């Protein structure tokens, strides 16, 4: 019984409903991340960006699904800028250079599938 009481936070999340935007908070002049799932097959990570914060251009070896859950962001993929708002998503293909910028505070869910 003692072992079953020592659950990780991720396990607790898997057994009850949660509102994504409540699982992460903004921090002034920062980008905050919280990994929800980290498995061999892929990861699911929440991010919160303060206004004007960014991730510089980089590439990833896997496709990534980005869903904006709050606010607005500019996501540039292979030189083409996309303005996304809450409720919208975009797929970033593997090995395509991309960057992100918070045009206002925003939260996103990033799902990467390794295959």
N, C-alpha and C. Protein backbone atom coordinates (compact mmCIF):
# COMPACT_ATOMS: atom_id res chain seq x y z
N UNK A 1 0.82 -1.20 0.00
CA UNK A 1 0.00 0.00 0.00
C UNK A 1 0.86 1.26 0.00
N UNK A 2 1.98 1.23 0.70
CA UNK A 2 2.84 2.39 0.78
C UNK A 2 3.36 2.79 -0.59
N UNK A 3 3.79 1.82 -1.41
CA UNK A 3 4.30 2.12 -2.74
C UNK A 3 3.23 2.78 -3.60
N UNK A 4 1.99 2.32 -3.54
CA UNK A 4 0.94 2.91 -4.36
C UNK A 4 0.65 4.35 -3.96
N UNK A 5 0.96 4.73 -2.72
CA UNK A 5 0.72 6.09 -2.27
C UNK A 5 1.82 7.03 -2.77
N UNK A 6 2.95 6.50 -3.18
CA UNK A 6 4.07 7.32 -3.65
C UNK A 6 4.01 7.45 -5.17
N UNK A 7 3.04 8.16 -5.66
CA UNK A 7 2.87 8.36 -7.10
C UNK A 7 3.61 9.60 -7.55
N UNK A 8 4.08 9.58 -8.78
CA UNK A 8 4.68 10.78 -9.33
C UNK A 8 3.57 11.73 -9.73
N UNK A 9 3.93 12.99 -9.93
CA UNK A 9 2.93 13.98 -10.33
C UNK A 9 2.31 13.61 -11.68
N UNK A 10 3.11 13.09 -12.59
CA UNK A 10 2.58 12.69 -13.91
C UNK A 10 1.55 11.58 -13.76
N UNK A 11 1.78 10.64 -12.85
CA UNK A 11 0.82 9.58 -12.63
C UNK A 11 -0.49 10.15 -12.12
N UNK A 12 -0.41 11.10 -11.20
CA UNK A 12 -1.62 11.75 -10.69
C UNK A 12 -2.38 12.44 -11.81
N UNK A 13 -1.67 13.06 -12.73
CA UNK A 13 -2.33 13.71 -13.86
C UNK A 13 -3.06 12.70 -14.74
N UNK A 14 -2.52 11.50 -14.85
CA UNK A 14 -3.14 10.51 -15.73
C UNK A 14 -4.42 9.92 -15.15
N UNK A 15 -4.70 10.19 -13.91
CA UNK A 15 -5.89 9.59 -13.29
C UNK A 15 -6.99 10.58 -12.97
N UNK A 16 -6.81 11.84 -13.39
CA UNK A 16 -7.86 12.83 -13.13
C UNK A 16 -7.86 13.91 -14.20
N UNK A 17 -9.02 14.53 -14.43
CA UNK A 17 -9.10 15.60 -15.42
C UNK A 17 -8.27 16.81 -14.98
N UNK A 18 -7.77 17.53 -15.95
CA UNK A 18 -7.02 18.75 -15.67
C UNK A 18 -7.19 19.72 -16.83
N UNK A 19 -7.18 21.00 -16.54
CA UNK A 19 -7.23 22.03 -17.57
C UNK A 19 -5.79 22.40 -17.91
N UNK A 20 -5.40 22.21 -19.18
CA UNK A 20 -4.01 22.43 -19.58
C UNK A 20 -3.47 23.78 -19.14
N UNK A 21 -4.23 24.83 -19.36
CA UNK A 21 -3.73 26.17 -19.04
C UNK A 21 -3.48 26.37 -17.56
N UNK A 22 -4.08 25.54 -16.70
CA UNK A 22 -3.86 25.65 -15.26
C UNK A 22 -2.63 24.87 -14.79
N UNK A 23 -2.03 24.08 -15.65
CA UNK A 23 -0.90 23.24 -15.26
C UNK A 23 0.45 23.93 -15.36
N UNK A 24 0.45 25.17 -15.86
CA UNK A 24 1.70 25.92 -16.00
C UNK A 24 1.39 27.40 -15.83
N UNK A 25 2.32 28.14 -15.25
CA UNK A 25 2.13 29.56 -15.00
C UNK A 25 3.17 30.39 -15.75
N UNK A 26 2.78 31.61 -16.11
CA UNK A 26 3.73 32.54 -16.71
C UNK A 26 4.71 33.02 -15.66
N UNK A 27 5.94 33.30 -16.09
CA UNK A 27 6.93 33.95 -15.24
C UNK A 27 7.50 35.12 -16.02
N UNK A 28 7.67 36.24 -15.36
CA UNK A 28 8.12 37.46 -16.02
C UNK A 28 9.45 37.23 -16.73
N UNK A 29 9.50 37.70 -17.98
CA UNK A 29 10.71 37.64 -18.82
C UNK A 29 11.28 36.23 -18.93
N UNK A 30 10.40 35.23 -19.01
CA UNK A 30 10.87 33.84 -19.05
C UNK A 30 10.05 32.96 -19.98
N UNK A 31 10.65 31.83 -20.32
CA UNK A 31 9.97 30.72 -20.96
C UNK A 31 9.99 29.59 -19.94
N UNK A 32 8.81 29.08 -19.60
CA UNK A 32 8.69 28.01 -18.61
C UNK A 32 8.21 26.75 -19.33
N UNK A 33 8.75 25.60 -18.95
CA UNK A 33 8.29 24.34 -19.54
C UNK A 33 7.97 23.34 -18.45
N UNK A 34 7.06 22.43 -18.79
CA UNK A 34 6.68 21.35 -17.88
C UNK A 34 6.39 20.11 -18.72
N UNK A 35 7.17 19.08 -18.53
CA UNK A 35 6.99 17.83 -19.25
C UNK A 35 5.86 17.04 -18.61
N UNK A 36 4.87 16.67 -19.42
CA UNK A 36 3.75 15.87 -18.94
C UNK A 36 3.97 14.39 -19.20
N UNK A 37 4.56 14.07 -20.36
CA UNK A 37 4.87 12.69 -20.72
C UNK A 37 6.26 12.67 -21.36
N UNK A 38 7.08 11.73 -20.93
CA UNK A 38 8.41 11.56 -21.50
C UNK A 38 8.66 10.06 -21.65
N UNK A 39 8.41 9.57 -22.86
CA UNK A 39 8.54 8.15 -23.16
C UNK A 39 9.47 7.96 -24.36
N UNK A 40 9.89 6.74 -24.56
CA UNK A 40 10.73 6.42 -25.72
C UNK A 40 10.03 6.83 -27.02
N UNK A 41 8.71 6.68 -27.07
CA UNK A 41 7.94 6.97 -28.28
C UNK A 41 7.76 8.47 -28.52
N UNK A 42 7.92 9.31 -27.49
CA UNK A 42 7.76 10.73 -27.68
C UNK A 42 7.54 11.48 -26.38
N UNK A 43 7.34 12.79 -26.51
CA UNK A 43 7.15 13.65 -25.35
C UNK A 43 5.95 14.56 -25.55
N UNK A 44 5.36 14.96 -24.43
CA UNK A 44 4.30 15.98 -24.42
C UNK A 44 4.73 17.00 -23.37
N UNK A 45 4.90 18.25 -23.80
CA UNK A 45 5.43 19.29 -22.93
C UNK A 45 4.59 20.55 -23.03
N UNK A 46 4.29 21.15 -21.89
CA UNK A 46 3.62 22.44 -21.83
C UNK A 46 4.68 23.54 -21.76
N UNK A 47 4.40 24.66 -22.41
CA UNK A 47 5.27 25.83 -22.34
C UNK A 47 4.43 27.06 -22.03
N UNK A 48 5.02 28.00 -21.30
CA UNK A 48 4.42 29.32 -21.06
C UNK A 48 5.49 30.36 -21.39
N UNK A 49 5.18 31.24 -22.34
CA UNK A 49 6.10 32.29 -22.78
C UNK A 49 5.57 33.65 -22.33
N UNK A 50 6.41 34.44 -21.69
CA UNK A 50 6.04 35.82 -21.41
C UNK A 50 6.12 36.60 -22.73
N UNK A 51 5.43 37.73 -22.80
CA UNK A 51 5.40 38.54 -24.02
C UNK A 51 6.82 38.88 -24.48
N UNK A 52 7.04 38.72 -25.76
CA UNK A 52 8.30 39.00 -26.46
C UNK A 52 9.39 37.95 -26.21
N UNK A 53 9.12 36.95 -25.39
CA UNK A 53 10.11 35.88 -25.22
C UNK A 53 10.10 35.02 -26.48
N UNK A 54 11.18 34.30 -26.72
CA UNK A 54 11.31 33.53 -27.96
C UNK A 54 12.21 32.33 -27.79
N UNK A 55 12.07 31.42 -28.73
CA UNK A 55 13.04 30.34 -28.91
C UNK A 55 13.71 30.62 -30.26
N UNK A 56 15.02 30.70 -30.25
CA UNK A 56 15.73 31.00 -31.49
C UNK A 56 15.62 29.83 -32.47
N UNK A 57 15.96 30.10 -33.70
CA UNK A 57 15.83 29.10 -34.75
C UNK A 57 16.65 27.86 -34.42
N UNK A 58 16.02 26.70 -34.62
CA UNK A 58 16.66 25.41 -34.37
C UNK A 58 15.93 24.36 -35.19
N UNK A 59 16.43 23.14 -35.16
CA UNK A 59 15.76 22.03 -35.83
C UNK A 59 15.59 20.90 -34.82
N UNK A 60 14.68 19.99 -35.13
CA UNK A 60 14.46 18.79 -34.32
C UNK A 60 14.36 17.61 -35.28
N UNK A 61 14.82 16.45 -34.86
CA UNK A 61 14.82 15.30 -35.76
C UNK A 61 13.47 14.60 -35.89
N UNK A 62 12.43 15.15 -35.25
CA UNK A 62 11.10 14.53 -35.27
C UNK A 62 10.04 15.57 -35.60
N UNK A 63 8.93 15.10 -36.16
CA UNK A 63 7.78 15.98 -36.36
C UNK A 63 7.29 16.47 -35.00
N UNK A 64 6.78 17.70 -34.96
CA UNK A 64 6.26 18.26 -33.72
C UNK A 64 4.90 18.89 -33.99
N UNK A 65 3.96 18.65 -33.09
CA UNK A 65 2.64 19.26 -33.15
C UNK A 65 2.61 20.34 -32.07
N UNK A 66 2.34 21.58 -32.47
CA UNK A 66 2.24 22.69 -31.54
C UNK A 66 0.79 23.15 -31.51
N UNK A 67 0.21 23.17 -30.31
CA UNK A 67 -1.16 23.65 -30.12
C UNK A 67 -1.11 24.84 -29.16
N UNK A 68 -1.63 25.98 -29.60
CA UNK A 68 -1.69 27.17 -28.75
C UNK A 68 -2.92 27.02 -27.86
N UNK A 69 -2.72 27.07 -26.55
CA UNK A 69 -3.84 26.90 -25.63
C UNK A 69 -4.27 28.21 -24.98
N UNK A 70 -3.42 29.25 -25.10
CA UNK A 70 -3.74 30.56 -24.54
C UNK A 70 -2.84 31.59 -25.20
N UNK A 71 -3.38 32.75 -25.56
CA UNK A 71 -2.57 33.82 -26.11
C UNK A 71 -2.30 33.67 -27.59
N UNK A 72 -1.20 34.30 -28.04
CA UNK A 72 -0.83 34.32 -29.45
C UNK A 72 0.67 34.21 -29.63
N UNK A 73 1.06 33.60 -30.75
CA UNK A 73 2.48 33.41 -31.03
C UNK A 73 2.74 33.49 -32.53
N UNK A 74 3.98 33.81 -32.85
CA UNK A 74 4.45 33.74 -34.22
C UNK A 74 5.41 32.57 -34.30
N UNK A 75 5.10 31.62 -35.16
CA UNK A 75 5.95 30.45 -35.36
C UNK A 75 6.45 30.50 -36.79
N UNK A 76 7.76 30.54 -36.93
CA UNK A 76 8.38 30.60 -38.25
C UNK A 76 8.96 29.23 -38.57
N UNK A 77 8.55 28.69 -39.72
CA UNK A 77 9.02 27.38 -40.16
C UNK A 77 9.63 27.54 -41.54
N UNK A 78 10.89 27.18 -41.68
CA UNK A 78 11.60 27.29 -42.95
C UNK A 78 11.43 28.67 -43.58
N UNK A 79 11.55 29.71 -42.75
CA UNK A 79 11.49 31.09 -43.22
C UNK A 79 10.09 31.66 -43.40
N UNK A 80 9.05 30.89 -43.20
CA UNK A 80 7.68 31.37 -43.37
C UNK A 80 7.01 31.56 -42.01
N UNK A 81 6.58 32.79 -41.72
CA UNK A 81 5.97 33.11 -40.43
C UNK A 81 4.48 32.77 -40.42
N UNK A 82 4.03 32.21 -39.30
CA UNK A 82 2.63 31.85 -39.09
C UNK A 82 2.18 32.47 -37.77
N UNK A 83 1.07 33.19 -37.79
CA UNK A 83 0.53 33.79 -36.56
C UNK A 83 -0.58 32.88 -36.05
N UNK A 84 -0.39 32.32 -34.87
CA UNK A 84 -1.37 31.40 -34.29
C UNK A 84 -1.97 31.97 -33.02
N UNK A 85 -3.26 31.66 -32.83
CA UNK A 85 -4.00 32.09 -31.65
C UNK A 85 -4.50 30.86 -30.90
N UNK A 86 -5.00 31.10 -29.69
CA UNK A 86 -5.54 30.02 -28.86
C UNK A 86 -6.53 29.17 -29.67
N UNK A 87 -6.38 27.86 -29.56
CA UNK A 87 -7.25 26.93 -30.28
C UNK A 87 -6.70 26.50 -31.62
N UNK A 88 -5.61 27.11 -32.08
CA UNK A 88 -5.02 26.74 -33.36
C UNK A 88 -3.77 25.89 -33.15
N UNK A 89 -3.42 25.15 -34.18
CA UNK A 89 -2.25 24.27 -34.12
C UNK A 89 -1.51 24.28 -35.44
N UNK A 90 -0.28 23.80 -35.39
CA UNK A 90 0.53 23.66 -36.60
C UNK A 90 1.48 22.49 -36.40
N UNK A 91 1.81 21.82 -37.48
CA UNK A 91 2.79 20.73 -37.44
C UNK A 91 4.11 21.26 -37.99
N UNK A 92 5.16 21.05 -37.23
CA UNK A 92 6.50 21.43 -37.67
C UNK A 92 7.18 20.14 -38.15
N UNK A 93 7.47 20.04 -39.44
CA UNK A 93 8.08 18.81 -39.96
C UNK A 93 9.50 18.60 -39.41
N UNK A 94 9.89 17.36 -39.28
CA UNK A 94 11.23 17.03 -38.83
C UNK A 94 12.28 17.72 -39.70
N UNK A 95 13.34 18.17 -39.05
CA UNK A 95 14.51 18.76 -39.69
C UNK A 95 14.26 20.09 -40.39
N UNK A 96 13.10 20.72 -40.19
CA UNK A 96 12.84 22.05 -40.74
C UNK A 96 13.23 23.09 -39.69
N UNK A 97 14.03 24.09 -40.08
CA UNK A 97 14.39 25.12 -39.10
C UNK A 97 13.13 25.89 -38.68
N UNK A 98 13.03 26.16 -37.38
CA UNK A 98 11.86 26.87 -36.88
C UNK A 98 12.22 27.69 -35.64
N UNK A 99 11.41 28.71 -35.38
CA UNK A 99 11.58 29.55 -34.20
C UNK A 99 10.20 29.96 -33.72
N UNK A 100 10.14 30.41 -32.46
CA UNK A 100 8.87 30.83 -31.86
C UNK A 100 9.06 32.17 -31.16
N UNK A 101 8.04 33.02 -31.25
CA UNK A 101 8.06 34.32 -30.58
C UNK A 101 6.69 34.60 -30.00
N UNK A 102 6.67 35.06 -28.76
CA UNK A 102 5.41 35.42 -28.11
C UNK A 102 5.02 36.84 -28.52
N UNK A 103 4.01 36.97 -29.36
CA UNK A 103 3.52 38.30 -29.73
C UNK A 103 2.70 38.89 -28.58
N UNK A 104 2.22 38.00 -27.72
CA UNK A 104 1.66 38.33 -26.41
C UNK A 104 1.92 37.09 -25.56
N UNK A 105 1.66 37.16 -24.26
CA UNK A 105 1.86 35.96 -23.45
C UNK A 105 1.11 34.80 -24.09
N UNK A 106 1.75 33.63 -24.13
CA UNK A 106 1.03 32.48 -24.66
C UNK A 106 1.49 31.20 -23.99
N UNK A 107 0.59 30.20 -24.04
CA UNK A 107 0.88 28.86 -23.56
C UNK A 107 0.66 27.91 -24.72
N UNK A 108 1.51 26.89 -24.79
CA UNK A 108 1.37 25.92 -25.87
C UNK A 108 1.64 24.53 -25.36
N UNK A 109 1.07 23.57 -26.08
CA UNK A 109 1.33 22.16 -25.83
C UNK A 109 2.14 21.65 -27.02
N UNK A 110 3.30 21.07 -26.74
CA UNK A 110 4.18 20.53 -27.77
C UNK A 110 4.19 19.02 -27.66
N UNK A 111 3.81 18.35 -28.76
CA UNK A 111 3.83 16.90 -28.81
C UNK A 111 4.84 16.48 -29.87
N UNK A 112 5.84 15.72 -29.45
CA UNK A 112 6.86 15.22 -30.39
C UNK A 112 6.78 13.70 -30.40
N UNK A 113 6.66 13.15 -31.60
CA UNK A 113 6.59 11.71 -31.78
C UNK A 113 7.91 11.25 -32.40
N UNK A 114 8.59 10.37 -31.70
CA UNK A 114 9.89 9.87 -32.19
C UNK A 114 9.64 8.60 -33.01
N UNK A 115 9.97 8.69 -34.29
CA UNK A 115 9.84 7.49 -35.13
C UNK A 115 10.75 7.60 -36.33
